């Protein structure tokens, strides 16, 4: 009978020890989950900021395209004006 008591005692010790390890594992898992959540939140905020910067840059590019088109038109008009001015002089001098 003593042998049954010893085996029962060692099984109890095993399960008690196993339970403590599971509790420790669960605790560590929860702590690491919290750290991971904070890390993911930080990364998410960084991505949101990057997206906003890209959006602003894209808007600026559209604005610069408009400016570029306006400058091209102004350059063409200036070119026409210069040609008209010099062609009149050439016509008068002939």
N, C-alpha and C. Protein backbone atom coordinates (compact mmCIF):
# COMPACT_ATOMS: atom_id res chain seq x y z
N UNK A 1 0.81 -1.19 0.00
CA UNK A 1 0.00 0.00 0.00
C UNK A 1 0.85 1.25 0.00
N UNK A 2 1.99 1.19 0.60
CA UNK A 2 2.86 2.36 0.64
C UNK A 2 3.28 2.76 -0.76
N UNK A 3 3.40 1.76 -1.62
CA UNK A 3 3.82 2.05 -2.98
C UNK A 3 2.75 2.87 -3.70
N UNK A 4 1.48 2.57 -3.49
CA UNK A 4 0.40 3.35 -4.09
C UNK A 4 0.42 4.78 -3.59
N UNK A 5 0.70 4.96 -2.30
CA UNK A 5 0.74 6.30 -1.74
C UNK A 5 1.91 7.09 -2.34
N UNK A 6 3.03 6.44 -2.54
CA UNK A 6 4.19 7.11 -3.13
C UNK A 6 3.91 7.49 -4.58
N UNK A 7 3.30 6.58 -5.34
CA UNK A 7 3.01 6.89 -6.74
C UNK A 7 1.93 7.98 -6.83
N UNK A 8 0.97 7.93 -5.92
CA UNK A 8 -0.04 8.98 -5.90
C UNK A 8 0.60 10.30 -5.54
N UNK A 9 1.51 10.29 -4.60
CA UNK A 9 2.21 11.52 -4.19
C UNK A 9 3.06 12.07 -5.32
N UNK A 10 3.76 11.20 -6.05
CA UNK A 10 4.60 11.69 -7.14
C UNK A 10 3.74 12.20 -8.29
N UNK A 11 2.60 11.58 -8.53
CA UNK A 11 1.69 12.07 -9.58
C UNK A 11 1.15 13.44 -9.19
N UNK A 12 0.81 13.59 -7.93
CA UNK A 12 0.33 14.89 -7.47
C UNK A 12 1.40 15.95 -7.62
N UNK A 13 2.65 15.57 -7.26
CA UNK A 13 3.77 16.52 -7.40
C UNK A 13 3.96 16.88 -8.88
N UNK A 14 3.89 15.86 -9.75
CA UNK A 14 4.06 16.08 -11.18
C UNK A 14 3.00 17.07 -11.70
N UNK A 15 1.73 16.81 -11.37
CA UNK A 15 0.66 17.68 -11.86
C UNK A 15 0.71 19.06 -11.23
N UNK A 16 1.13 19.13 -9.97
CA UNK A 16 1.27 20.42 -9.31
C UNK A 16 2.38 21.23 -9.99
N UNK A 17 3.49 20.56 -10.27
CA UNK A 17 4.62 21.19 -10.94
C UNK A 17 4.22 21.60 -12.37
N UNK A 18 3.50 20.69 -13.03
CA UNK A 18 3.03 20.96 -14.38
C UNK A 18 2.09 22.16 -14.39
N UNK A 19 1.22 22.25 -13.42
CA UNK A 19 0.28 23.37 -13.30
C UNK A 19 1.01 24.69 -13.11
N UNK A 20 2.07 24.68 -12.28
CA UNK A 20 2.86 25.89 -12.06
C UNK A 20 3.52 26.33 -13.36
N UNK A 21 4.04 25.37 -14.11
CA UNK A 21 4.70 25.70 -15.38
C UNK A 21 3.69 26.27 -16.40
N UNK A 22 2.51 25.69 -16.42
CA UNK A 22 1.47 26.20 -17.32
C UNK A 22 1.09 27.62 -16.91
N UNK A 23 0.97 27.86 -15.61
CA UNK A 23 0.65 29.21 -15.13
C UNK A 23 1.74 30.20 -15.53
N UNK A 24 3.01 29.81 -15.36
CA UNK A 24 4.13 30.68 -15.74
C UNK A 24 4.11 30.95 -17.24
N UNK A 25 3.86 29.89 -18.01
CA UNK A 25 3.81 30.04 -19.46
C UNK A 25 2.69 30.99 -19.86
N UNK A 26 1.53 30.84 -19.25
CA UNK A 26 0.38 31.70 -19.54
C UNK A 26 0.70 33.14 -19.20
N UNK A 27 1.36 33.34 -18.06
CA UNK A 27 1.73 34.69 -17.65
C UNK A 27 2.69 35.31 -18.65
N UNK A 28 3.72 34.55 -19.05
CA UNK A 28 4.69 35.05 -20.02
C UNK A 28 4.01 35.33 -21.37
N UNK A 29 3.10 34.45 -21.75
CA UNK A 29 2.37 34.63 -23.00
C UNK A 29 1.56 35.92 -22.97
N UNK A 30 0.89 36.17 -21.86
CA UNK A 30 0.10 37.41 -21.73
C UNK A 30 1.00 38.64 -21.77
N UNK A 31 2.15 38.57 -21.09
CA UNK A 31 3.08 39.70 -21.09
C UNK A 31 3.63 39.96 -22.48
N UNK A 32 4.02 38.88 -23.17
CA UNK A 32 4.56 39.06 -24.51
C UNK A 32 3.48 39.53 -25.46
N UNK A 33 2.24 39.08 -25.25
CA UNK A 33 1.13 39.54 -26.06
C UNK A 33 0.92 41.04 -25.90
N UNK A 34 1.06 41.52 -24.68
CA UNK A 34 0.93 42.96 -24.42
C UNK A 34 2.03 43.75 -25.11
N UNK A 35 3.25 43.22 -25.04
CA UNK A 35 4.37 43.89 -25.71
C UNK A 35 4.17 43.89 -27.22
N UNK A 36 3.72 42.76 -27.75
CA UNK A 36 3.48 42.67 -29.19
C UNK A 36 2.37 43.62 -29.62
N UNK A 37 1.34 43.73 -28.81
CA UNK A 37 0.24 44.63 -29.14
C UNK A 37 0.76 46.07 -29.19
N UNK A 38 1.57 46.45 -28.21
CA UNK A 38 2.13 47.81 -28.21
C UNK A 38 3.01 48.02 -29.43
N UNK A 39 3.80 47.01 -29.79
CA UNK A 39 4.67 47.11 -30.96
C UNK A 39 3.84 47.26 -32.23
N UNK A 40 2.77 46.46 -32.35
CA UNK A 40 1.90 46.56 -33.52
C UNK A 40 1.22 47.92 -33.58
N UNK A 41 0.78 48.44 -32.45
CA UNK A 41 0.16 49.76 -32.43
C UNK A 41 1.15 50.83 -32.87
N UNK A 42 2.39 50.71 -32.41
CA UNK A 42 3.41 51.67 -32.79
C UNK A 42 3.65 51.60 -34.30
N UNK A 43 3.79 50.40 -34.83
CA UNK A 43 4.01 50.22 -36.27
C UNK A 43 2.83 50.74 -37.07
N UNK A 44 1.62 50.50 -36.56
CA UNK A 44 0.42 50.97 -37.25
C UNK A 44 0.41 52.49 -37.33
N UNK A 45 0.77 53.14 -36.23
CA UNK A 45 0.83 54.61 -36.22
C UNK A 45 1.87 55.10 -37.22
N UNK A 46 3.03 54.42 -37.27
CA UNK A 46 4.07 54.81 -38.23
C UNK A 46 3.56 54.67 -39.66
N UNK A 47 2.83 53.59 -39.93
CA UNK A 47 2.28 53.39 -41.26
C UNK A 47 1.25 54.46 -41.61
N UNK A 48 0.42 54.84 -40.63
CA UNK A 48 -0.56 55.89 -40.88
C UNK A 48 0.14 57.20 -41.21
N UNK A 49 1.20 57.52 -40.48
CA UNK A 49 1.95 58.76 -40.74
C UNK A 49 2.59 58.71 -42.13
N UNK A 50 3.14 57.57 -42.49
CA UNK A 50 3.73 57.42 -43.82
C UNK A 50 2.69 57.59 -44.91
N UNK A 51 1.52 57.03 -44.69
CA UNK A 51 0.45 57.16 -45.67
C UNK A 51 0.04 58.62 -45.84
N UNK A 52 -0.03 59.35 -44.74
CA UNK A 52 -0.38 60.77 -44.81
C UNK A 52 0.68 61.56 -45.58
N UNK A 53 1.96 61.24 -45.31
CA UNK A 53 3.04 61.92 -46.04
C UNK A 53 2.95 61.63 -47.53
N UNK A 54 2.71 60.37 -47.88
CA UNK A 54 2.60 60.00 -49.29
C UNK A 54 1.42 60.70 -49.95
N UNK A 55 0.32 60.79 -49.21
CA UNK A 55 -0.86 61.46 -49.74
C UNK A 55 -0.55 62.93 -50.01
N UNK A 56 0.12 63.58 -49.06
CA UNK A 56 0.48 64.99 -49.24
C UNK A 56 1.43 65.16 -50.41
N UNK A 57 2.40 64.26 -50.53
CA UNK A 57 3.34 64.33 -51.65
C UNK A 57 2.62 64.15 -52.97
N UNK A 58 1.66 63.24 -53.00
CA UNK A 58 0.89 63.01 -54.22
C UNK A 58 0.09 64.27 -54.57
N UNK A 59 -0.51 64.89 -53.56
CA UNK A 59 -1.24 66.13 -53.80
C UNK A 59 -0.30 67.21 -54.32
N UNK A 60 0.88 67.29 -53.74
CA UNK A 60 1.86 68.28 -54.18
C UNK A 60 2.29 68.00 -55.61
N UNK A 61 2.42 66.74 -55.98
CA UNK A 61 2.81 66.40 -57.34
C UNK A 61 1.75 66.88 -58.33
N UNK A 62 0.48 66.70 -57.95
CA UNK A 62 -0.59 67.19 -58.80
C UNK A 62 -0.51 68.70 -58.94
N UNK A 63 -0.21 69.37 -57.86
CA UNK A 63 -0.07 70.82 -57.88
C UNK A 63 1.10 71.22 -58.78
N UNK A 64 2.21 70.49 -58.63
CA UNK A 64 3.38 70.80 -59.46
C UNK A 64 3.11 70.52 -60.93
N UNK A 65 2.30 69.52 -61.22
CA UNK A 65 1.93 69.27 -62.61
C UNK A 65 1.17 70.46 -63.17
N UNK A 66 0.25 71.00 -62.38
CA UNK A 66 -0.50 72.18 -62.80
C UNK A 66 0.43 73.36 -63.03
N UNK A 67 1.37 73.55 -62.11
CA UNK A 67 2.33 74.65 -62.24
C UNK A 67 3.17 74.44 -63.49
N UNK A 68 3.61 73.21 -63.70
CA UNK A 68 4.43 72.92 -64.88
C UNK A 68 3.65 73.21 -66.17
N UNK A 69 2.40 72.80 -66.23
CA UNK A 69 1.56 73.07 -67.41
C UNK A 69 1.38 74.57 -67.61
N UNK A 70 1.14 75.29 -66.52
CA UNK A 70 0.97 76.74 -66.63
C UNK A 70 2.25 77.40 -67.12
N UNK A 71 3.39 76.94 -66.61
CA UNK A 71 4.66 77.51 -67.06
C UNK A 71 4.92 77.19 -68.53
N UNK A 72 4.56 76.01 -68.97
CA UNK A 72 4.72 75.66 -70.39
C UNK A 72 3.88 76.58 -71.26
N UNK A 73 2.61 76.80 -70.83
CA UNK A 73 1.73 77.68 -71.59
C UNK A 73 2.29 79.10 -71.62
N UNK A 74 2.78 79.56 -70.47
CA UNK A 74 3.36 80.91 -70.41
C UNK A 74 4.59 80.99 -71.29
N UNK A 75 5.41 79.94 -71.29
CA UNK A 75 6.60 79.92 -72.15
C UNK A 75 6.22 79.95 -73.62
N UNK A 76 5.17 79.22 -73.99
CA UNK A 76 4.72 79.22 -75.37
C UNK A 76 4.20 80.60 -75.77
N UNK A 77 3.45 81.23 -74.87
CA UNK A 77 2.94 82.58 -75.15
C UNK A 77 4.09 83.57 -75.28
N UNK A 78 5.08 83.45 -74.40
CA UNK A 78 6.24 84.33 -74.48
C UNK A 78 6.98 84.10 -75.79
N UNK A 79 7.12 82.84 -76.17
CA UNK A 79 7.78 82.51 -77.43
C UNK A 79 7.03 83.14 -78.59
N UNK A 80 5.70 83.03 -78.58
CA UNK A 80 4.89 83.63 -79.64
C UNK A 80 5.07 85.15 -79.66
N UNK A 81 5.09 85.75 -78.48
CA UNK A 81 5.23 87.21 -78.39
C UNK A 81 6.59 87.64 -78.93
N UNK A 82 7.63 86.91 -78.58
CA UNK A 82 8.98 87.25 -79.06
C UNK A 82 9.04 87.09 -80.57
N UNK A 83 8.50 86.00 -81.08
CA UNK A 83 8.49 85.79 -82.52
C UNK A 83 7.71 86.89 -83.22
N UNK A 84 6.57 87.25 -82.66
CA UNK A 84 5.76 88.30 -83.26
C UNK A 84 6.51 89.63 -83.24
N UNK A 85 7.20 89.91 -82.14
CA UNK A 85 7.94 91.17 -82.04
C UNK A 85 9.07 91.21 -83.05
N UNK A 86 9.81 90.13 -83.19
CA UNK A 86 10.94 90.11 -84.12
C UNK A 86 10.47 89.99 -85.56
N UNK A 87 9.36 89.31 -85.80
CA UNK A 87 8.90 89.20 -87.17
C UNK A 87 8.39 90.55 -87.66
N UNK A 88 7.80 91.38 -86.78
CA UNK A 88 7.35 92.71 -87.17
C UNK A 88 8.54 93.59 -87.49
N UNK A 89 9.60 93.47 -86.69
CA UNK A 89 10.81 94.26 -86.94
C UNK A 89 11.39 93.86 -88.28
N UNK A 90 11.43 92.56 -88.56
CA UNK A 90 12.00 92.07 -89.82
C UNK A 90 11.16 92.58 -90.98
N UNK A 91 9.81 92.55 -90.82
CA UNK A 91 8.93 93.01 -91.87
C UNK A 91 9.13 94.51 -92.12
N UNK A 92 9.33 95.32 -91.07
CA UNK A 92 9.51 96.75 -91.20
C UNK A 92 10.85 97.07 -91.84
N UNK A 93 11.89 96.27 -91.48
CA UNK A 93 13.21 96.56 -91.98
C UNK A 93 13.39 96.13 -93.42
N UNK A 94 12.53 95.25 -93.96
CA UNK A 94 12.69 94.78 -95.33
C UNK A 94 12.29 95.76 -96.33
